[in-house]
Amino acid sequence: MPVKVILMVLENRLYYNQRPILDYKIQYPQFFSYSHQRNLTKINNYYSSKALKVQRECTDDFFRTAIESYYNSIESKVPFRIFKIFYIPSITYNENCAISLYYDNYISLGGNRGIIVRTSDTWNIQDGEMIRLCQLFEHDVEEVNLIRKFIENEISKDLIFMDPVYYESYKNNITENFRLRNFFLLPEGIVIYFQQYDIAPFQSSIAEFLIPYEEGVMTKPECI
C-alpha cells in the first residue's frame, strides 16, 4: 500500500533596491504511514534539512551573486534578468516498502538558458535506508557493463529510427559519465539517467533510459 505524500513548499521573491532580483521555489516531500512512521520520519528529516540548506543558498550565496549581477547590468547598460531557482521533486515509485524520487534543480542566473541538475534517491522504508543500484542487479557478474550495453543498444535504435541528437562519442561518454547513483524506479522498470551535456547537446536535456524489470538485468527491490 502506498504511503501518504505531502509536498511542502518554500518560496519567495527577493528584492534589492525595491527591485525583484531572485525568485526561488523549493518543494520537499513528507511521507506518512501507520506501519513505518519511525523510518519515514528519518526520511522526512533528510528532505526537510536538505530543503532548508537549499533555501539558505538562495538567500545567501545566490542573492549576493544576483546583487553583483544587478550592478554589473547597470554599469554595462544591459537589462537585468531576474535569477530563478527551482528545486522540484517527482515521486516516481511508491509501492509496498519502496519509495523512489528524483529532484530537478533548475538554476537560471539571468541568462537566456538555465541549467538542470538532477539527483535521485530510492528508499527501503522497512529500515529507512537508501537502496543502492547494485542491490537491484539480478545477477552478480558484470552488471554495470550490462547496463552500459543496454543503453548503447537503445541509442543505436534511436539513431536508426528516431534520429535524436547524441554526441558522436556517446559510447565513451556513457562510460565516463555513468554514475551508480543516477537512477530511479518506475512501476515498470528502472530508469538510468545522464545529466545535461553528458551524452547529448543541450536540447536533449536529461537523457533517460528505461530498463524493464523483465529484461533480465534489473529486478525490483527485494522488500517488494
N, C-alpha and C. Protein backbone atom coordinates (compact mmCIF):
# COMPACT_ATOMS: atom_id res chain seq x y z
N MET A 1 0.85 -1.19 0.00
CA MET A 1 0.00 0.00 0.00
C MET A 1 0.88 1.24 0.00
N PRO A 2 0.64 2.21 -0.89
CA PRO A 2 1.47 3.42 -0.94
C PRO A 2 1.38 4.23 0.35
N VAL A 3 2.48 4.88 0.69
CA VAL A 3 2.45 5.78 1.84
C VAL A 3 1.88 7.12 1.40
N LYS A 4 1.37 7.87 2.34
CA LYS A 4 0.83 9.19 2.03
C LYS A 4 1.96 10.17 1.82
N VAL A 5 1.81 11.03 0.82
CA VAL A 5 2.84 12.02 0.48
C VAL A 5 2.24 13.42 0.52
N ILE A 6 2.89 14.31 1.25
CA ILE A 6 2.52 15.73 1.25
C ILE A 6 3.74 16.52 0.78
N LEU A 7 3.53 17.39 -0.21
CA LEU A 7 4.62 18.24 -0.70
C LEU A 7 4.57 19.58 0.02
N MET A 8 5.64 19.89 0.73
CA MET A 8 5.79 21.18 1.40
C MET A 8 6.51 22.15 0.45
N VAL A 9 6.28 23.43 0.64
CA VAL A 9 6.82 24.43 -0.28
C VAL A 9 7.48 25.57 0.49
N LEU A 10 8.68 25.93 0.07
CA LEU A 10 9.37 27.14 0.50
C LEU A 10 9.56 28.00 -0.75
N GLU A 11 8.98 29.18 -0.78
CA GLU A 11 9.15 30.03 -1.95
C GLU A 11 9.10 31.50 -1.55
N ASN A 12 9.79 32.31 -2.34
CA ASN A 12 9.85 33.74 -2.05
C ASN A 12 10.41 34.47 -3.25
N ARG A 13 10.16 35.76 -3.27
CA ARG A 13 10.78 36.68 -4.23
C ARG A 13 11.63 37.66 -3.43
N LEU A 14 12.91 37.73 -3.75
CA LEU A 14 13.83 38.58 -3.01
C LEU A 14 14.07 39.88 -3.79
N TYR A 15 14.12 40.98 -3.04
CA TYR A 15 14.25 42.31 -3.63
C TYR A 15 15.56 42.96 -3.21
N TYR A 16 16.03 43.85 -4.09
CA TYR A 16 17.17 44.70 -3.77
C TYR A 16 16.92 46.06 -4.40
N ASN A 17 17.03 47.12 -3.61
CA ASN A 17 16.69 48.46 -4.09
C ASN A 17 15.28 48.50 -4.68
N GLN A 18 14.38 47.81 -4.00
CA GLN A 18 12.97 47.75 -4.38
C GLN A 18 12.74 47.10 -5.74
N ARG A 19 13.72 46.32 -6.17
CA ARG A 19 13.58 45.63 -7.45
C ARG A 19 13.72 44.13 -7.22
N PRO A 20 12.83 43.33 -7.82
CA PRO A 20 12.97 41.87 -7.67
C PRO A 20 14.20 41.36 -8.41
N ILE A 21 15.03 40.60 -7.69
CA ILE A 21 16.24 40.10 -8.34
C ILE A 21 16.36 38.58 -8.26
N LEU A 22 15.54 37.93 -7.43
CA LEU A 22 15.66 36.47 -7.33
C LEU A 22 14.33 35.85 -6.90
N ASP A 23 13.90 34.84 -7.64
CA ASP A 23 12.76 34.01 -7.27
C ASP A 23 13.25 32.61 -6.93
N TYR A 24 12.71 32.05 -5.87
CA TYR A 24 13.02 30.64 -5.61
C TYR A 24 11.76 29.90 -5.18
N LYS A 25 11.73 28.62 -5.55
CA LYS A 25 10.66 27.73 -5.13
C LYS A 25 11.27 26.37 -4.84
N ILE A 26 11.10 25.92 -3.62
CA ILE A 26 11.69 24.67 -3.16
C ILE A 26 10.57 23.79 -2.63
N GLN A 27 10.39 22.63 -3.20
CA GLN A 27 9.42 21.67 -2.71
C GLN A 27 10.16 20.49 -2.08
N TYR A 28 9.55 19.93 -1.04
CA TYR A 28 10.15 18.73 -0.46
C TYR A 28 9.04 17.83 0.07
N PRO A 29 9.22 16.51 -0.05
CA PRO A 29 8.17 15.57 0.34
C PRO A 29 8.22 15.23 1.82
N GLN A 30 7.06 14.95 2.38
CA GLN A 30 6.93 14.39 3.72
C GLN A 30 6.03 13.16 3.61
N PHE A 31 6.50 12.05 4.15
CA PHE A 31 5.83 10.76 3.98
C PHE A 31 5.20 10.31 5.30
N PHE A 32 4.03 9.63 5.18
CA PHE A 32 3.31 9.21 6.37
C PHE A 32 2.69 7.83 6.17
N SER A 33 2.83 7.00 7.21
CA SER A 33 2.28 5.65 7.18
C SER A 33 2.19 5.14 8.61
N TYR A 34 1.12 4.42 8.93
CA TYR A 34 0.99 3.85 10.27
C TYR A 34 2.05 2.78 10.51
N SER A 35 2.44 2.08 9.45
CA SER A 35 3.31 0.90 9.63
C SER A 35 4.77 1.25 9.82
N HIS A 36 5.26 2.30 9.15
CA HIS A 36 6.70 2.56 9.13
C HIS A 36 7.02 4.01 9.46
N GLN A 37 6.25 4.65 10.33
CA GLN A 37 6.42 6.08 10.52
C GLN A 37 7.78 6.46 11.11
N ARG A 38 8.34 5.60 11.97
CA ARG A 38 9.65 5.93 12.55
C ARG A 38 10.70 6.08 11.45
N ASN A 39 10.72 5.14 10.52
CA ASN A 39 11.69 5.22 9.43
C ASN A 39 11.34 6.36 8.47
N LEU A 40 10.06 6.59 8.27
CA LEU A 40 9.65 7.69 7.39
C LEU A 40 10.00 9.05 8.00
N THR A 41 9.95 9.15 9.32
CA THR A 41 10.34 10.39 9.97
C THR A 41 11.82 10.69 9.71
N LYS A 42 12.63 9.66 9.72
CA LYS A 42 14.05 9.81 9.40
C LYS A 42 14.21 10.33 7.96
N ILE A 43 13.44 9.77 7.04
CA ILE A 43 13.49 10.21 5.64
C ILE A 43 12.95 11.64 5.52
N ASN A 44 11.87 11.94 6.25
CA ASN A 44 11.31 13.29 6.22
C ASN A 44 12.32 14.33 6.69
N ASN A 45 13.04 14.00 7.75
CA ASN A 45 14.05 14.93 8.27
C ASN A 45 15.16 15.16 7.25
N TYR A 46 15.49 14.12 6.52
CA TYR A 46 16.52 14.24 5.47
C TYR A 46 16.10 15.28 4.43
N TYR A 47 14.83 15.21 3.98
CA TYR A 47 14.40 16.12 2.92
C TYR A 47 14.10 17.52 3.45
N SER A 48 13.59 17.65 4.67
CA SER A 48 13.36 18.98 5.21
C SER A 48 14.68 19.71 5.46
N SER A 49 15.69 18.99 5.94
CA SER A 49 17.01 19.59 6.15
C SER A 49 17.63 20.01 4.82
N LYS A 50 17.47 19.15 3.82
CA LYS A 50 18.02 19.46 2.51
C LYS A 50 17.34 20.70 1.92
N ALA A 51 16.02 20.83 2.11
CA ALA A 51 15.29 21.97 1.59
C ALA A 51 15.74 23.26 2.27
N LEU A 52 15.94 23.22 3.57
CA LEU A 52 16.40 24.40 4.29
C LEU A 52 17.81 24.81 3.87
N LYS A 53 18.65 23.82 3.56
CA LYS A 53 20.00 24.11 3.07
C LYS A 53 19.93 24.82 1.72
N VAL A 54 19.07 24.34 0.82
CA VAL A 54 18.92 24.99 -0.48
C VAL A 54 18.37 26.41 -0.29
N GLN A 55 17.43 26.57 0.63
CA GLN A 55 16.87 27.90 0.88
C GLN A 55 17.96 28.87 1.36
N ARG A 56 18.84 28.40 2.25
CA ARG A 56 19.94 29.26 2.71
C ARG A 56 20.86 29.64 1.57
N GLU A 57 21.10 28.70 0.66
CA GLU A 57 21.93 29.01 -0.51
C GLU A 57 21.28 30.10 -1.36
N CYS A 58 19.95 30.04 -1.47
CA CYS A 58 19.22 31.05 -2.25
C CYS A 58 19.31 32.42 -1.61
N THR A 59 19.08 32.47 -0.29
CA THR A 59 19.02 33.75 0.40
C THR A 59 20.40 34.33 0.70
N ASP A 60 21.43 33.50 0.64
CA ASP A 60 22.79 33.97 0.90
C ASP A 60 23.61 34.04 -0.39
N ASP A 61 24.09 32.89 -0.86
CA ASP A 61 25.02 32.86 -1.99
C ASP A 61 24.40 33.41 -3.27
N PHE A 62 23.26 32.85 -3.67
CA PHE A 62 22.65 33.27 -4.94
C PHE A 62 22.16 34.72 -4.86
N PHE A 63 21.69 35.14 -3.70
CA PHE A 63 21.23 36.52 -3.54
C PHE A 63 22.39 37.50 -3.72
N ARG A 64 23.55 37.19 -3.11
CA ARG A 64 24.72 38.05 -3.29
C ARG A 64 25.15 38.09 -4.75
N THR A 65 25.14 36.94 -5.40
CA THR A 65 25.51 36.91 -6.82
C THR A 65 24.54 37.72 -7.66
N ALA A 66 23.25 37.66 -7.31
CA ALA A 66 22.24 38.44 -8.04
C ALA A 66 22.47 39.94 -7.87
N ILE A 67 22.87 40.35 -6.67
CA ILE A 67 23.17 41.77 -6.44
C ILE A 67 24.34 42.21 -7.30
N GLU A 68 25.39 41.40 -7.36
CA GLU A 68 26.54 41.72 -8.20
C GLU A 68 26.13 41.83 -9.66
N SER A 69 25.29 40.88 -10.10
CA SER A 69 24.82 40.92 -11.48
C SER A 69 23.97 42.16 -11.74
N TYR A 70 23.21 42.56 -10.76
CA TYR A 70 22.37 43.77 -10.88
C TYR A 70 23.25 45.00 -11.12
N TYR A 71 24.32 45.15 -10.33
CA TYR A 71 25.21 46.30 -10.51
C TYR A 71 25.97 46.21 -11.83
N ASN A 72 26.36 45.01 -12.21
CA ASN A 72 27.04 44.84 -13.50
C ASN A 72 26.13 45.24 -14.65
N SER A 73 24.84 44.92 -14.54
CA SER A 73 23.91 45.30 -15.61
C SER A 73 23.77 46.82 -15.71
N ILE A 74 23.82 47.49 -14.55
CA ILE A 74 23.75 48.96 -14.57
C ILE A 74 24.99 49.55 -15.24
N GLU A 75 26.16 49.03 -14.87
CA GLU A 75 27.41 49.54 -15.43
C GLU A 75 27.51 49.29 -16.93
N SER A 76 27.05 48.11 -17.36
CA SER A 76 27.14 47.76 -18.78
C SER A 76 25.93 48.21 -19.58
N LYS A 77 24.93 48.77 -18.88
CA LYS A 77 23.72 49.29 -19.53
C LYS A 77 22.98 48.21 -20.33
N VAL A 78 22.87 47.04 -19.70
CA VAL A 78 22.08 45.95 -20.30
C VAL A 78 20.97 45.60 -19.32
N PRO A 79 19.85 45.08 -19.82
CA PRO A 79 18.74 44.76 -18.92
C PRO A 79 19.14 43.66 -17.92
N PHE A 80 18.69 43.82 -16.69
CA PHE A 80 18.91 42.80 -15.67
C PHE A 80 17.82 41.75 -15.76
N ARG A 81 18.21 40.48 -15.75
CA ARG A 81 17.25 39.38 -15.75
C ARG A 81 17.23 38.74 -14.37
N ILE A 82 16.03 38.55 -13.88
CA ILE A 82 15.87 38.02 -12.54
C ILE A 82 16.42 36.59 -12.44
N PHE A 83 17.07 36.28 -11.33
CA PHE A 83 17.56 34.93 -11.07
C PHE A 83 16.37 34.05 -10.68
N LYS A 84 16.45 32.77 -11.08
CA LYS A 84 15.39 31.83 -10.73
C LYS A 84 16.00 30.51 -10.27
N ILE A 85 15.54 30.04 -9.13
CA ILE A 85 16.00 28.76 -8.58
C ILE A 85 14.76 27.92 -8.27
N PHE A 86 14.64 26.78 -8.92
CA PHE A 86 13.52 25.87 -8.66
C PHE A 86 14.09 24.50 -8.28
N TYR A 87 13.62 23.98 -7.17
CA TYR A 87 14.09 22.69 -6.65
C TYR A 87 12.86 21.81 -6.45
N ILE A 88 12.55 21.00 -7.46
CA ILE A 88 11.25 20.35 -7.54
C ILE A 88 11.41 18.82 -7.60
N PRO A 89 10.71 18.08 -6.72
CA PRO A 89 10.80 16.62 -6.75
C PRO A 89 9.68 15.98 -7.58
N SER A 90 9.95 14.79 -8.07
CA SER A 90 8.93 13.95 -8.71
C SER A 90 8.98 12.58 -8.04
N ILE A 91 7.87 12.17 -7.45
CA ILE A 91 7.78 10.85 -6.83
C ILE A 91 7.44 9.85 -7.93
N THR A 92 8.32 8.92 -8.21
CA THR A 92 8.13 8.01 -9.34
C THR A 92 7.72 6.61 -8.93
N TYR A 93 7.92 6.27 -7.66
CA TYR A 93 7.60 4.90 -7.21
C TYR A 93 7.21 4.97 -5.74
N ASN A 94 6.06 4.38 -5.43
CA ASN A 94 5.56 4.40 -4.06
C ASN A 94 4.68 3.17 -3.87
N GLU A 95 5.36 2.03 -3.73
CA GLU A 95 4.65 0.76 -3.62
C GLU A 95 5.29 -0.09 -2.53
N ASN A 96 4.43 -0.77 -1.78
CA ASN A 96 4.89 -1.68 -0.73
C ASN A 96 5.93 -1.01 0.16
N CYS A 97 7.18 -1.44 0.11
CA CYS A 97 8.16 -0.90 1.05
C CYS A 97 9.20 -0.02 0.39
N ALA A 98 8.96 0.46 -0.82
CA ALA A 98 9.96 1.27 -1.52
C ALA A 98 9.37 2.60 -1.98
N ILE A 99 10.19 3.63 -1.87
CA ILE A 99 9.87 4.95 -2.39
C ILE A 99 11.04 5.40 -3.26
N SER A 100 10.74 5.89 -4.45
CA SER A 100 11.78 6.39 -5.33
C SER A 100 11.35 7.75 -5.86
N LEU A 101 12.32 8.66 -5.97
CA LEU A 101 12.02 10.00 -6.47
C LEU A 101 13.27 10.62 -7.06
N TYR A 102 13.04 11.66 -7.86
CA TYR A 102 14.18 12.46 -8.32
C TYR A 102 13.87 13.94 -8.14
N TYR A 103 14.93 14.72 -8.02
CA TYR A 103 14.85 16.17 -7.92
C TYR A 103 15.47 16.78 -9.16
N ASP A 104 14.75 17.70 -9.79
CA ASP A 104 15.34 18.53 -10.84
C ASP A 104 15.57 19.92 -10.27
N ASN A 105 16.83 20.29 -10.16
CA ASN A 105 17.22 21.59 -9.63
C ASN A 105 17.51 22.52 -10.80
N TYR A 106 16.58 23.44 -11.07
CA TYR A 106 16.72 24.38 -12.18
C TYR A 106 17.31 25.67 -11.68
N ILE A 107 18.39 26.11 -12.31
CA ILE A 107 19.07 27.33 -11.91
C ILE A 107 19.24 28.22 -13.13
N SER A 108 18.71 29.42 -13.05
CA SER A 108 18.89 30.42 -14.10
C SER A 108 19.47 31.68 -13.47
N LEU A 109 20.70 32.00 -13.80
CA LEU A 109 21.39 33.15 -13.22
C LEU A 109 21.35 34.33 -14.19
N GLY A 110 20.15 34.61 -14.69
CA GLY A 110 19.97 35.78 -15.52
C GLY A 110 20.26 35.59 -16.99
N GLY A 111 20.65 34.40 -17.40
CA GLY A 111 20.96 34.16 -18.80
C GLY A 111 19.72 33.73 -19.57
N ASN A 112 19.94 33.48 -20.86
CA ASN A 112 18.82 33.03 -21.70
C ASN A 112 18.38 31.62 -21.35
N ARG A 113 19.33 30.80 -20.90
CA ARG A 113 19.03 29.42 -20.58
C ARG A 113 19.46 29.12 -19.15
N GLY A 114 18.65 28.34 -18.49
CA GLY A 114 19.06 27.83 -17.21
C GLY A 114 19.64 26.43 -17.37
N ILE A 115 20.11 25.87 -16.30
CA ILE A 115 20.61 24.50 -16.32
C ILE A 115 19.80 23.67 -15.33
N ILE A 116 19.72 22.39 -15.60
CA ILE A 116 19.03 21.46 -14.71
C ILE A 116 20.05 20.44 -14.21
N VAL A 117 20.10 20.27 -12.92
CA VAL A 117 20.92 19.22 -12.31
C VAL A 117 19.97 18.27 -11.59
N ARG A 118 20.04 17.01 -11.93
CA ARG A 118 19.13 16.02 -11.35
C ARG A 118 19.84 15.19 -10.29
N THR A 119 19.14 14.94 -9.20
CA THR A 119 19.57 13.98 -8.18
C THR A 119 18.41 13.04 -7.91
N SER A 120 18.69 11.90 -7.32
CA SER A 120 17.63 10.92 -7.08
C SER A 120 17.94 10.07 -5.87
N ASP A 121 16.88 9.54 -5.26
CA ASP A 121 17.01 8.66 -4.10
C ASP A 121 15.96 7.56 -4.20
N THR A 122 16.33 6.38 -3.73
CA THR A 122 15.39 5.27 -3.61
C THR A 122 15.54 4.69 -2.21
N TRP A 123 14.42 4.55 -1.51
CA TRP A 123 14.44 4.18 -0.10
C TRP A 123 13.73 2.86 0.16
N ASN A 124 14.26 2.11 1.10
CA ASN A 124 13.56 0.97 1.69
C ASN A 124 12.96 1.47 3.00
N ILE A 125 11.65 1.61 3.07
CA ILE A 125 11.05 2.19 4.27
C ILE A 125 10.96 1.19 5.42
N GLN A 126 11.34 -0.06 5.16
CA GLN A 126 11.37 -1.04 6.24
C GLN A 126 12.54 -0.78 7.19
N ASP A 127 13.63 -0.19 6.66
CA ASP A 127 14.77 0.11 7.52
C ASP A 127 15.19 1.58 7.44
N GLY A 128 14.53 2.37 6.58
CA GLY A 128 14.86 3.78 6.47
C GLY A 128 16.18 4.05 5.79
N GLU A 129 16.69 3.08 5.03
CA GLU A 129 17.98 3.23 4.35
C GLU A 129 17.77 3.34 2.85
N MET A 130 18.74 4.00 2.19
CA MET A 130 18.68 4.09 0.74
C MET A 130 18.99 2.75 0.09
N ILE A 131 18.32 2.48 -1.01
CA ILE A 131 18.59 1.29 -1.81
C ILE A 131 19.60 1.65 -2.88
N ARG A 132 20.68 0.90 -2.95
CA ARG A 132 21.71 1.14 -3.95
C ARG A 132 21.40 0.37 -5.23
N LEU A 133 21.91 0.88 -6.34
CA LEU A 133 21.64 0.24 -7.62
C LEU A 133 22.13 -1.20 -7.64
N CYS A 134 23.28 -1.46 -7.02
CA CYS A 134 23.83 -2.82 -7.03
C CYS A 134 22.90 -3.82 -6.34
N GLN A 135 22.02 -3.34 -5.45
CA GLN A 135 21.08 -4.24 -4.78
C GLN A 135 19.96 -4.68 -5.72
N LEU A 136 19.84 -4.03 -6.86
CA LEU A 136 18.76 -4.32 -7.79
C LEU A 136 19.23 -5.13 -8.99
N PHE A 137 20.51 -5.50 -9.01
CA PHE A 137 21.01 -6.34 -10.09
C PHE A 137 20.47 -7.75 -9.93
N GLU A 138 20.09 -8.34 -11.04
CA GLU A 138 19.54 -9.69 -11.00
C GLU A 138 20.64 -10.74 -10.90
N HIS A 139 21.84 -10.38 -11.38
CA HIS A 139 22.98 -11.29 -11.36
C HIS A 139 24.17 -10.58 -10.74
N ASP A 140 25.22 -11.31 -10.48
CA ASP A 140 26.39 -10.74 -9.80
C ASP A 140 27.56 -10.48 -10.74
N VAL A 141 27.43 -10.73 -12.02
CA VAL A 141 28.58 -10.65 -12.92
C VAL A 141 28.38 -9.52 -13.93
N GLU A 142 29.34 -8.60 -13.96
CA GLU A 142 29.40 -7.54 -14.97
C GLU A 142 28.08 -6.77 -15.11
N GLU A 143 27.47 -6.44 -13.97
CA GLU A 143 26.18 -5.76 -14.02
C GLU A 143 26.28 -4.40 -14.70
N VAL A 144 27.30 -3.63 -14.32
CA VAL A 144 27.44 -2.27 -14.89
C VAL A 144 27.67 -2.35 -16.39
N ASN A 145 28.45 -3.30 -16.83
CA ASN A 145 28.68 -3.47 -18.27
C ASN A 145 27.39 -3.83 -19.00
N LEU A 146 26.54 -4.63 -18.35
CA LEU A 146 25.26 -4.98 -18.96
C LEU A 146 24.38 -3.74 -19.14
N ILE A 147 24.39 -2.87 -18.13
CA ILE A 147 23.61 -1.64 -18.22
C ILE A 147 24.13 -0.74 -19.33
N ARG A 148 25.43 -0.57 -19.38
CA ARG A 148 26.03 0.27 -20.43
C ARG A 148 25.69 -0.27 -21.81
N LYS A 149 25.78 -1.59 -21.96
CA LYS A 149 25.48 -2.21 -23.25
C LYS A 149 24.02 -2.00 -23.61
N PHE A 150 23.13 -2.12 -22.64
CA PHE A 150 21.71 -1.90 -22.88
C PHE A 150 21.49 -0.46 -23.36
N ILE A 151 22.12 0.52 -22.72
CA ILE A 151 21.96 1.93 -23.11
C ILE A 151 22.51 2.16 -24.50
N GLU A 152 23.67 1.60 -24.79
CA GLU A 152 24.25 1.75 -26.13
C GLU A 152 23.31 1.19 -27.20
N ASN A 153 22.71 0.05 -26.92
CA ASN A 153 21.78 -0.56 -27.88
C ASN A 153 20.54 0.32 -28.08
N GLU A 154 20.05 0.92 -26.99
CA GLU A 154 18.88 1.80 -27.09
C GLU A 154 19.20 3.03 -27.94
N ILE A 155 20.38 3.60 -27.74
CA ILE A 155 20.77 4.76 -28.54
C ILE A 155 20.94 4.37 -30.00
N SER A 156 21.52 3.19 -30.24
CA SER A 156 21.69 2.72 -31.63
C SER A 156 20.34 2.60 -32.33
N LYS A 157 19.32 2.09 -31.62
CA LYS A 157 17.98 2.00 -32.19
C LYS A 157 17.42 3.39 -32.48
N ASP A 158 17.63 4.31 -31.54
CA ASP A 158 17.13 5.67 -31.73
C ASP A 158 17.77 6.33 -32.94
N LEU A 159 19.06 6.10 -33.11
CA LEU A 159 19.76 6.71 -34.23
C LEU A 159 19.23 6.21 -35.57
N ILE A 160 18.73 4.98 -35.58
CA ILE A 160 18.20 4.40 -36.82
C ILE A 160 16.78 4.88 -37.09
N PHE A 161 15.94 4.84 -36.06
CA PHE A 161 14.51 5.05 -36.28
C PHE A 161 14.01 6.44 -35.90
N MET A 162 14.66 7.09 -34.95
CA MET A 162 14.12 8.35 -34.44
C MET A 162 15.02 9.55 -34.72
N ASP A 163 16.24 9.31 -35.07
CA ASP A 163 17.20 10.37 -35.40
C ASP A 163 17.31 11.42 -34.29
N PRO A 164 17.50 11.01 -33.03
CA PRO A 164 17.75 12.01 -31.99
C PRO A 164 19.19 12.52 -32.08
N VAL A 165 19.50 13.53 -31.32
CA VAL A 165 20.83 14.12 -31.36
C VAL A 165 21.65 13.61 -30.18
N TYR A 166 22.72 12.88 -30.47
CA TYR A 166 23.70 12.49 -29.46
C TYR A 166 25.07 12.88 -29.97
N TYR A 167 26.00 13.05 -29.04
CA TYR A 167 27.38 13.27 -29.46
C TYR A 167 27.89 12.03 -30.19
N GLU A 168 28.77 12.24 -31.16
CA GLU A 168 29.34 11.09 -31.88
C GLU A 168 30.10 10.16 -30.94
N SER A 169 30.65 10.73 -29.89
CA SER A 169 31.43 9.92 -28.92
C SER A 169 30.55 9.42 -27.77
N TYR A 170 29.26 9.17 -28.05
CA TYR A 170 28.35 8.85 -26.96
C TYR A 170 28.76 7.58 -26.20
N LYS A 171 29.38 6.61 -26.88
CA LYS A 171 29.78 5.38 -26.17
C LYS A 171 30.83 5.69 -25.10
N ASN A 172 31.82 6.49 -25.46
CA ASN A 172 32.82 6.88 -24.46
C ASN A 172 32.19 7.74 -23.37
N ASN A 173 31.27 8.60 -23.76
CA ASN A 173 30.62 9.47 -22.78
C ASN A 173 29.78 8.67 -21.79
N ILE A 174 29.13 7.60 -22.28
CA ILE A 174 28.37 6.74 -21.39
C ILE A 174 29.28 6.15 -20.32
N THR A 175 30.43 5.65 -20.74
CA THR A 175 31.37 5.06 -19.80
C THR A 175 31.90 6.08 -18.81
N GLU A 176 32.25 7.26 -19.31
CA GLU A 176 32.86 8.29 -18.46
C GLU A 176 31.86 8.91 -17.49
N ASN A 177 30.61 9.02 -17.90
CA ASN A 177 29.62 9.76 -17.10
C ASN A 177 28.60 8.87 -16.39
N PHE A 178 28.75 7.56 -16.49
CA PHE A 178 27.84 6.66 -15.80
C PHE A 178 28.06 6.77 -14.30
N ARG A 179 26.98 7.00 -13.56
CA ARG A 179 27.04 7.10 -12.10
C ARG A 179 26.03 6.13 -11.49
N LEU A 180 26.50 5.31 -10.57
CA LEU A 180 25.64 4.31 -9.95
C LEU A 180 24.48 4.95 -9.19
N ARG A 181 24.65 6.20 -8.78
CA ARG A 181 23.60 6.87 -8.02
C ARG A 181 22.51 7.44 -8.92
N ASN A 182 22.77 7.57 -10.21
CA ASN A 182 21.84 8.25 -11.11
C ASN A 182 20.78 7.28 -11.65
N PHE A 183 19.83 6.94 -10.77
CA PHE A 183 18.74 6.06 -11.18
C PHE A 183 17.52 6.35 -10.32
N PHE A 184 16.36 5.95 -10.81
CA PHE A 184 15.15 5.95 -10.00
C PHE A 184 14.23 4.85 -10.52
N LEU A 185 13.26 4.47 -9.71
CA LEU A 185 12.35 3.38 -10.06
C LEU A 185 11.06 3.91 -10.66
N LEU A 186 10.53 3.15 -11.59
CA LEU A 186 9.17 3.28 -12.07
C LEU A 186 8.48 1.93 -11.82
N PRO A 187 7.16 1.89 -11.85
CA PRO A 187 6.49 0.59 -11.68
C PRO A 187 6.92 -0.44 -12.72
N GLU A 188 7.28 0.02 -13.92
CA GLU A 188 7.61 -0.92 -14.98
C GLU A 188 9.10 -1.20 -15.14
N GLY A 189 9.95 -0.46 -14.45
CA GLY A 189 11.37 -0.70 -14.59
C GLY A 189 12.22 0.36 -13.90
N ILE A 190 13.51 0.31 -14.17
CA ILE A 190 14.48 1.22 -13.57
C ILE A 190 14.98 2.19 -14.63
N VAL A 191 15.01 3.47 -14.29
CA VAL A 191 15.48 4.50 -15.22
C VAL A 191 16.89 4.91 -14.84
N ILE A 192 17.81 4.78 -15.80
CA ILE A 192 19.16 5.31 -15.67
C ILE A 192 19.19 6.65 -16.40
N TYR A 193 19.75 7.66 -15.80
CA TYR A 193 19.77 8.98 -16.45
C TYR A 193 21.17 9.58 -16.46
N PHE A 194 21.35 10.52 -17.39
CA PHE A 194 22.60 11.27 -17.51
C PHE A 194 22.27 12.76 -17.45
N GLN A 195 23.19 13.52 -16.89
CA GLN A 195 22.96 14.95 -16.77
C GLN A 195 23.04 15.64 -18.14
N GLN A 196 22.58 16.88 -18.17
CA GLN A 196 22.69 17.67 -19.40
C GLN A 196 24.14 17.69 -19.87
N TYR A 197 24.30 17.56 -21.16
CA TYR A 197 25.61 17.61 -21.83
C TYR A 197 26.46 16.35 -21.63
N ASP A 198 26.02 15.40 -20.81
CA ASP A 198 26.84 14.21 -20.59
C ASP A 198 27.00 13.39 -21.87
N ILE A 199 25.88 13.14 -22.56
CA ILE A 199 25.95 12.32 -23.77
C ILE A 199 25.24 12.98 -24.95
N ALA A 200 24.64 14.15 -24.71
CA ALA A 200 23.88 14.80 -25.78
C ALA A 200 23.91 16.31 -25.56
N PRO A 201 23.68 17.09 -26.63
CA PRO A 201 23.68 18.55 -26.50
C PRO A 201 22.52 19.04 -25.65
N PHE A 202 22.49 20.36 -25.44
CA PHE A 202 21.53 20.96 -24.51
C PHE A 202 20.09 20.62 -24.84
N GLN A 203 19.74 20.66 -26.12
CA GLN A 203 18.32 20.50 -26.45
C GLN A 203 17.77 19.13 -26.07
N SER A 204 18.65 18.17 -25.80
CA SER A 204 18.19 16.85 -25.39
C SER A 204 17.92 16.76 -23.89
N SER A 205 18.33 17.78 -23.14
CA SER A 205 18.05 17.86 -21.71
C SER A 205 18.59 16.62 -20.99
N ILE A 206 17.82 16.12 -20.01
CA ILE A 206 18.24 14.95 -19.25
C ILE A 206 17.96 13.69 -20.07
N ALA A 207 18.99 12.91 -20.34
CA ALA A 207 18.81 11.68 -21.11
C ALA A 207 18.41 10.55 -20.16
N GLU A 208 17.30 9.88 -20.47
CA GLU A 208 16.77 8.81 -19.63
C GLU A 208 16.68 7.51 -20.42
N PHE A 209 16.94 6.39 -19.72
CA PHE A 209 16.85 5.07 -20.35
C PHE A 209 16.15 4.11 -19.39
N LEU A 210 15.01 3.63 -19.82
CA LEU A 210 14.22 2.71 -19.01
C LEU A 210 14.66 1.27 -19.26
N ILE A 211 15.03 0.59 -18.20
CA ILE A 211 15.36 -0.83 -18.27
C ILE A 211 14.22 -1.61 -17.62
N PRO A 212 13.37 -2.26 -18.42
CA PRO A 212 12.25 -3.02 -17.83
C PRO A 212 12.76 -4.14 -16.93
N TYR A 213 12.02 -4.44 -15.90
CA TYR A 213 12.44 -5.49 -14.97
C TYR A 213 12.56 -6.83 -15.69
N GLU A 214 11.74 -7.06 -16.71
CA GLU A 214 11.77 -8.36 -17.38
C GLU A 214 12.94 -8.52 -18.34
N GLU A 215 13.78 -7.47 -18.47
CA GLU A 215 14.93 -7.58 -19.36
C GLU A 215 16.00 -8.55 -18.86
N GLY A 216 15.90 -8.95 -17.61
CA GLY A 216 16.89 -9.88 -17.07
C GLY A 216 18.14 -9.22 -16.56
N VAL A 217 18.14 -7.88 -16.50
CA VAL A 217 19.30 -7.16 -15.98
C VAL A 217 19.02 -6.66 -14.57
N MET A 218 17.83 -6.06 -14.39
CA MET A 218 17.46 -5.48 -13.12
C MET A 218 16.25 -6.20 -12.52
N THR A 219 16.10 -6.03 -11.23
CA THR A 219 14.95 -6.61 -10.55
C THR A 219 14.38 -5.60 -9.57
N LYS A 220 13.13 -5.78 -9.17
CA LYS A 220 12.54 -4.90 -8.17
C LYS A 220 13.25 -5.09 -6.83
N PRO A 221 13.15 -4.08 -5.94
CA PRO A 221 13.76 -4.23 -4.62
C PRO A 221 13.29 -5.51 -3.93
N GLU A 222 14.19 -6.13 -3.18
CA GLU A 222 13.88 -7.41 -2.53
C GLU A 222 12.73 -7.30 -1.54
N CYS A 223 12.53 -6.11 -1.01
CA CYS A 223 11.49 -5.97 0.00
C CYS A 223 10.09 -6.00 -0.60
N ILE A 224 9.98 -5.99 -1.93
CA ILE A 224 8.66 -5.98 -2.56
C ILE A 224 8.19 -7.40 -2.79
